Amino acid sequence: MARFTTSDGVALYYEETGTGTPVVFVHEFAGNYRTWEPQMRYFGRTRRCVTFSARGYPPSDVPDNPDAYSQDRACEDVVELMDALDLPKAHIVGHSMGAYTALHMGIRHAERCISVVAAGCGWGSNPGEREAARQACQDIARLFREQPIEVAAEQYANAAMRLTYKAKDPRGFAEFAAMLAGHSGPGAAMTMLNLQMERPTLGDLEPQLRQFAVPLLVVVGDEDGPCLDGSVFLKKTVPTAALFVVPRAGHTITSEEPEAFNREVGRLFQDTESGHWLTFKRYLSE
């Protein structure tokens, strides 16, 4: 089992495959390193791909100090993983919770990013729903803290924004739900309260996003209601952004529609590596 230790003493588990241009995958709240298996297999044929479990997600450590969890720390964990693996730059691909971290990488560490993917991003950022989102975070944390992990996972997996996955691919959905049931309840609760609930919203980040210089691909399913507005906001706000909307798809987009997701992300990789990502926008501005 490959692990490295962060500067604050937390051991994080990672896996890698392939050679070539590096890609780092950052998972969602309901995921872990295994979430990215469809992408590791596909992109690992042509690139050096790295996936890891965030702090609080076994087989990574589960710190019992709430102060060990934050959006800033999640971003620095990616930087320290890249340092540990001697990756000066990489494509940073994030989903949901991981998409916020990927955006922070592009804002704070643009020199380390070849490109950024923000998939299923925006939950909790609608200004009119901010207080409701904070209450939802508290309710979810209580669920994972007080209920057996199997009960919490069953309830969380069956959220409305994931039911398209269940309808299309019952076998894949069952695998996702079983993976979620292997999480740490305390780790999930502390992640929800100290990272998800306290992170800045996309609106809070608007000044930095308007200066965002890294090529950005925003991906969202059209049935992912909580993330549609945020994804459009990113498209309108980030000068380097392209928006890819997957029809009849929900929040668990990387597993629910891996072919569509991989195709568009692969196009981003090719265009950024060849220097062509912004050619069209430059043409429009002339």
Protein backbone atom coordinates (compact mmCIF):
# COMPACT_ATOMS: atom_id res chain seq x y z
CA MET A 1 0.00 0.00 0.00
CA ALA A 2 1.54 3.29 -1.14
CA ARG A 3 1.28 6.09 1.40
CA PHE A 4 2.94 9.42 2.03
CA THR A 5 2.81 11.63 5.10
CA THR A 6 1.70 15.25 4.91
CA SER A 7 3.45 18.12 6.66
CA ASP A 8 0.93 17.90 9.53
CA GLY A 9 1.53 14.18 10.04
CA VAL A 10 -1.42 12.59 8.23
CA ALA A 11 -0.71 9.52 6.09
CA LEU A 12 -2.59 9.51 2.78
CA TYR A 13 -3.06 6.45 0.59
CA TYR A 14 -2.54 6.75 -3.17
CA GLU A 15 -2.27 4.60 -6.28
CA GLU A 16 -0.74 5.37 -9.67
CA THR A 17 -0.54 3.80 -13.09
CA GLY A 18 0.85 4.61 -16.52
CA THR A 19 3.59 6.91 -17.78
CA GLY A 20 3.63 10.28 -19.46
CA THR A 21 1.98 13.59 -18.62
CA PRO A 22 0.69 13.45 -15.00
CA VAL A 23 -2.98 13.55 -14.02
CA VAL A 24 -4.12 13.84 -10.39
CA PHE A 25 -7.72 12.85 -9.56
CA VAL A 26 -9.46 14.37 -6.51
CA HIS A 27 -12.60 12.57 -5.33
CA GLU A 28 -16.00 13.70 -4.08
CA PHE A 29 -17.47 13.47 -0.57
CA ALA A 30 -19.12 10.11 -1.32
CA GLY A 31 -16.04 8.72 -3.07
CA ASN A 32 -12.46 7.68 -2.40
CA TYR A 33 -9.47 6.62 -4.48
CA ARG A 34 -11.55 3.87 -6.13
CA THR A 35 -14.05 6.38 -7.53
CA TRP A 36 -11.69 7.09 -10.40
CA GLU A 37 -11.20 3.53 -11.64
CA PRO A 38 -12.89 4.19 -15.03
CA GLN A 39 -10.53 7.12 -15.54
CA MET A 40 -7.41 5.39 -14.20
CA ARG A 41 -7.90 2.53 -16.65
CA TYR A 42 -8.66 4.80 -19.60
CA PHE A 43 -6.12 7.59 -19.14
CA GLY A 44 -3.48 5.28 -17.61
CA ARG A 45 -2.85 3.93 -21.10
CA THR A 46 -1.32 7.24 -22.20
CA ARG A 47 -0.55 9.25 -19.04
CA ARG A 48 0.77 8.92 -15.50
CA CYS A 49 -2.40 8.84 -13.41
CA VAL A 50 -2.60 9.28 -9.64
CA THR A 51 -5.63 8.76 -7.40
CA PHE A 52 -5.72 9.08 -3.62
CA SER A 53 -8.06 8.99 -0.64
CA ALA A 54 -8.44 12.29 1.17
CA ARG A 55 -7.82 12.56 4.90
CA GLY A 56 -10.75 11.05 6.74
CA TYR A 57 -11.19 8.37 4.08
CA PRO A 58 -9.63 4.94 4.77
CA PRO A 59 -7.15 3.57 3.92
CA SER A 60 -5.85 7.13 4.49
CA ASP A 61 -5.65 8.29 8.10
CA VAL A 62 -8.75 9.59 9.87
CA PRO A 63 -7.53 12.40 12.16
CA ASP A 64 -9.72 12.89 15.22
CA ASN A 65 -8.95 16.61 15.44
CA PRO A 66 -11.54 18.72 13.56
CA ASP A 67 -8.86 21.32 12.88
CA ALA A 68 -7.15 18.79 10.58
CA TYR A 69 -9.95 19.27 8.02
CA SER A 70 -10.43 22.37 5.86
CA GLN A 71 -10.53 23.52 2.26
CA ASP A 72 -7.05 25.02 2.61
CA ARG A 73 -5.70 21.72 3.95
CA ALA A 74 -7.36 19.74 1.15
CA CYS A 75 -5.62 21.93 -1.42
CA GLU A 76 -2.25 21.60 0.30
CA ASP A 77 -2.66 17.82 0.44
CA VAL A 78 -2.74 17.79 -3.37
CA VAL A 79 0.38 19.96 -3.54
CA GLU A 80 2.21 17.74 -1.05
CA LEU A 81 1.15 14.59 -2.92
CA MET A 82 2.58 16.08 -6.12
CA ASP A 83 5.78 16.99 -4.27
CA ALA A 84 6.08 13.48 -2.83
CA LEU A 85 5.74 11.96 -6.32
CA ASP A 86 8.01 14.56 -7.95
CA LEU A 87 5.28 15.97 -10.18
CA PRO A 88 6.12 19.60 -11.00
CA LYS A 89 2.86 20.01 -12.97
CA ALA A 90 -0.24 17.91 -13.63
CA HIS A 91 -3.76 17.99 -14.96
CA ILE A 92 -5.96 18.34 -11.84
CA VAL A 93 -9.31 16.56 -12.20
CA GLY A 94 -11.80 17.08 -9.38
CA HIS A 95 -15.37 15.95 -8.78
CA SER A 96 -17.80 17.76 -6.46
CA MET A 97 -15.89 18.29 -3.20
CA GLY A 98 -12.77 17.53 -5.21
CA ALA A 99 -13.81 20.06 -7.87
CA TYR A 100 -13.66 22.86 -5.28
CA THR A 101 -10.17 21.65 -4.37
CA ALA A 102 -9.19 21.56 -8.05
CA LEU A 103 -10.38 25.16 -8.45
CA HIS A 104 -8.32 26.18 -5.42
CA MET A 105 -5.31 24.54 -7.04
CA GLY A 106 -5.87 26.67 -10.13
CA ILE A 107 -6.25 29.82 -8.04
CA ARG A 108 -3.39 29.28 -5.59
CA HIS A 109 -1.00 27.05 -7.47
CA ALA A 110 -1.57 27.82 -11.14
CA GLU A 111 2.07 27.02 -11.87
CA ARG A 112 1.44 23.40 -10.82
CA CYS A 113 -1.63 22.96 -13.08
CA ILE A 114 -1.60 22.06 -16.76
CA SER A 115 -5.39 22.16 -16.71
CA VAL A 116 -8.26 21.86 -14.24
CA VAL A 117 -11.49 19.88 -14.47
CA ALA A 118 -14.39 20.84 -12.17
CA ALA A 119 -17.13 18.20 -12.43
CA GLY A 120 -20.37 18.38 -10.48
CA CYS A 121 -19.33 21.64 -8.84
CA GLY A 122 -21.49 24.24 -7.14
CA TRP A 123 -23.51 22.58 -4.36
CA GLY A 124 -24.04 25.09 -1.56
CA SER A 125 -23.00 28.13 -3.58
CA ASN A 126 -26.40 29.56 -4.49
CA PRO A 127 -26.59 32.74 -2.32
CA GLY A 128 -30.29 32.27 -1.67
CA GLU A 129 -29.73 28.73 -0.40
CA ARG A 130 -26.59 29.23 1.65
CA GLU A 131 -28.21 28.87 5.07
CA ALA A 132 -30.18 25.85 3.92
CA ALA A 133 -26.94 24.32 2.64
CA ARG A 134 -25.23 24.88 5.99
CA GLN A 135 -28.13 23.18 7.74
CA ALA A 136 -27.91 20.30 5.28
CA CYS A 137 -24.22 19.93 6.09
CA GLN A 138 -25.04 19.69 9.80
CA ASP A 139 -27.77 17.13 9.12
CA ILE A 140 -25.47 15.00 6.94
CA ALA A 141 -22.70 15.15 9.52
CA ARG A 142 -25.14 14.05 12.22
CA LEU A 143 -26.28 11.18 10.01
CA PHE A 144 -22.73 9.87 9.57
CA ARG A 145 -21.81 10.50 13.20
CA GLU A 146 -24.86 8.93 14.84
CA GLN A 147 -25.98 6.16 12.48
CA PRO A 148 -24.15 2.95 11.53
CA ILE A 149 -22.13 3.62 8.40
CA GLU A 150 -24.27 1.16 6.40
CA VAL A 151 -27.42 3.12 7.27
CA ALA A 152 -25.85 6.50 6.57
CA ALA A 153 -24.40 5.31 3.28
CA GLU A 154 -27.71 3.86 2.10
CA GLN A 155 -29.51 7.12 2.79
CA TYR A 156 -26.83 9.36 1.31
CA ALA A 157 -26.34 7.24 -1.81
CA ASN A 158 -30.04 7.49 -2.66
CA ALA A 159 -30.12 11.29 -2.88
CA ALA A 160 -32.22 12.55 -5.78
CA MET A 161 -29.23 13.79 -7.78
CA ARG A 162 -27.83 10.23 -7.95
CA LEU A 163 -30.97 8.33 -8.93
CA THR A 164 -30.31 8.58 -12.68
CA TYR A 165 -27.22 6.43 -12.03
CA LYS A 166 -29.29 3.90 -10.10
CA ALA A 167 -31.90 3.75 -12.87
CA LYS A 168 -29.38 3.35 -15.72
CA ASP A 169 -26.84 1.08 -14.09
CA PRO A 170 -28.10 -0.77 -10.98
CA ARG A 171 -24.93 -2.85 -10.81
CA GLY A 172 -22.65 0.19 -10.97
CA PHE A 173 -24.78 2.04 -8.44
CA ALA A 174 -24.65 -0.93 -6.06
CA GLU A 175 -20.87 -0.91 -6.30
CA PHE A 176 -20.82 2.84 -5.54
CA ALA A 177 -23.14 2.38 -2.52
CA ALA A 178 -21.05 -0.50 -1.18
CA MET A 179 -17.88 1.61 -1.49
CA LEU A 180 -19.58 4.42 0.43
CA ALA A 181 -20.56 1.95 3.16
CA GLY A 182 -16.86 1.26 3.70
CA HIS A 183 -16.12 4.85 4.66
CA SER A 184 -15.41 6.16 8.14
CA GLY A 185 -18.45 7.72 9.77
CA PRO A 186 -16.38 10.07 11.95
CA GLY A 187 -14.17 11.01 8.99
CA ALA A 188 -17.20 11.79 6.83
CA ALA A 189 -18.79 13.88 9.60
CA MET A 190 -15.65 15.94 10.21
CA THR A 191 -15.14 16.43 6.48
CA MET A 192 -18.71 17.67 6.09
CA LEU A 193 -18.57 20.07 9.05
CA ASN A 194 -15.09 21.48 8.63
CA LEU A 195 -14.45 21.34 4.89
CA GLN A 196 -17.77 21.33 3.06
CA MET A 197 -19.70 23.61 5.41
CA GLU A 198 -16.92 26.14 5.91
CA ARG A 199 -15.42 26.34 2.42
CA PRO A 200 -15.91 29.56 0.44
CA THR A 201 -18.74 29.52 -2.08
CA LEU A 202 -18.16 30.06 -5.77
CA GLY A 203 -19.55 33.57 -5.26
CA ASP A 204 -16.99 34.21 -2.55
CA LEU A 205 -14.30 33.19 -5.04
CA GLU A 206 -15.59 35.34 -7.89
CA PRO A 207 -12.72 37.90 -7.86
CA GLN A 208 -10.13 35.11 -8.03
CA LEU A 209 -12.14 33.16 -10.61
CA ARG A 210 -12.25 36.19 -12.91
CA GLN A 211 -8.44 36.09 -12.88
CA PHE A 212 -8.27 32.31 -13.35
CA ALA A 213 -5.64 31.60 -16.01
CA VAL A 214 -5.48 27.79 -16.14
CA PRO A 215 -7.52 26.00 -18.86
CA LEU A 216 -10.75 24.88 -17.17
CA LEU A 217 -13.32 22.29 -18.20
CA VAL A 218 -16.60 22.39 -16.27
CA VAL A 219 -18.67 19.19 -16.47
CA VAL A 220 -22.20 18.73 -15.14
CA GLY A 221 -25.13 16.38 -15.68
CA ASP A 222 -28.39 18.08 -16.59
CA GLU A 223 -30.15 16.16 -13.78
CA ASP A 224 -27.63 17.41 -11.20
CA GLY A 225 -29.90 20.20 -9.99
CA PRO A 226 -27.76 21.51 -7.11
CA CYS A 227 -24.77 22.00 -9.42
CA LEU A 228 -26.29 23.39 -12.63
CA ASP A 229 -26.30 27.05 -11.60
CA GLY A 230 -22.78 26.84 -10.19
CA SER A 231 -21.48 25.25 -13.38
CA VAL A 232 -23.03 27.98 -15.54
CA PHE A 233 -21.58 30.57 -13.13
CA LEU A 234 -18.11 29.11 -13.65
CA LYS A 235 -18.55 29.22 -17.43
CA LYS A 236 -19.62 32.86 -17.30
CA THR A 237 -16.96 33.91 -14.81
CA VAL A 238 -13.74 32.06 -15.66
CA PRO A 239 -12.05 33.40 -18.82
CA THR A 240 -10.55 30.02 -19.71
CA ALA A 241 -13.64 27.90 -19.06
CA ALA A 242 -15.58 25.55 -21.31
CA LEU A 243 -18.84 23.95 -20.17
CA PHE A 244 -19.85 20.38 -21.02
CA VAL A 245 -23.39 19.38 -20.03
CA VAL A 246 -24.15 15.65 -20.12
CA PRO A 247 -27.84 14.99 -20.90
CA ARG A 248 -29.93 12.70 -18.69
CA ALA A 249 -27.13 12.43 -16.14
CA GLY A 250 -26.89 13.14 -12.43
CA HIS A 251 -24.21 13.95 -9.89
CA THR A 252 -22.15 10.74 -9.94
CA ILE A 253 -21.03 11.74 -13.43
CA THR A 254 -17.58 10.13 -13.59
CA SER A 255 -19.05 6.66 -12.98
CA GLU A 256 -22.50 7.16 -14.46
CA GLU A 257 -21.28 8.39 -17.86
CA PRO A 258 -17.56 7.50 -18.02
CA GLU A 259 -17.37 7.40 -21.81
CA ALA A 260 -18.73 10.93 -22.26
CA PHE A 261 -16.69 12.22 -19.34
CA ASN A 262 -13.45 10.62 -20.52
CA ARG A 263 -13.95 11.82 -24.09
CA GLU A 264 -14.30 15.48 -23.14
CA VAL A 265 -11.57 15.39 -20.52
CA GLY A 266 -9.29 13.72 -23.05
CA ARG A 267 -10.01 16.54 -25.48
CA LEU A 268 -9.06 19.06 -22.80
CA PHE A 269 -5.78 17.22 -22.18
CA GLN A 270 -4.92 17.15 -25.87
CA ASP A 271 -5.83 20.79 -26.50
CA THR A 272 -3.93 22.12 -23.50
CA GLU A 273 -0.85 20.00 -24.14
CA SER A 274 -0.78 21.20 -27.77
CA GLY A 275 -1.39 24.84 -26.79
CA HIS A 276 -4.74 25.06 -28.60
CA TRP A 277 -7.22 25.38 -25.72
CA LEU A 278 -7.67 29.14 -26.03
CA THR A 279 -7.20 29.46 -29.80
CA PHE A 280 -10.94 29.87 -30.38
CA LYS A 281 -11.33 32.55 -27.72
CA ARG A 282 -8.33 34.45 -29.10
CA TYR A 283 -9.97 34.34 -32.52
CA LEU A 284 -13.23 35.74 -31.13
CA SER A 285 -11.42 38.61 -29.40
CA GLU A 286 -9.62 39.78 -32.54
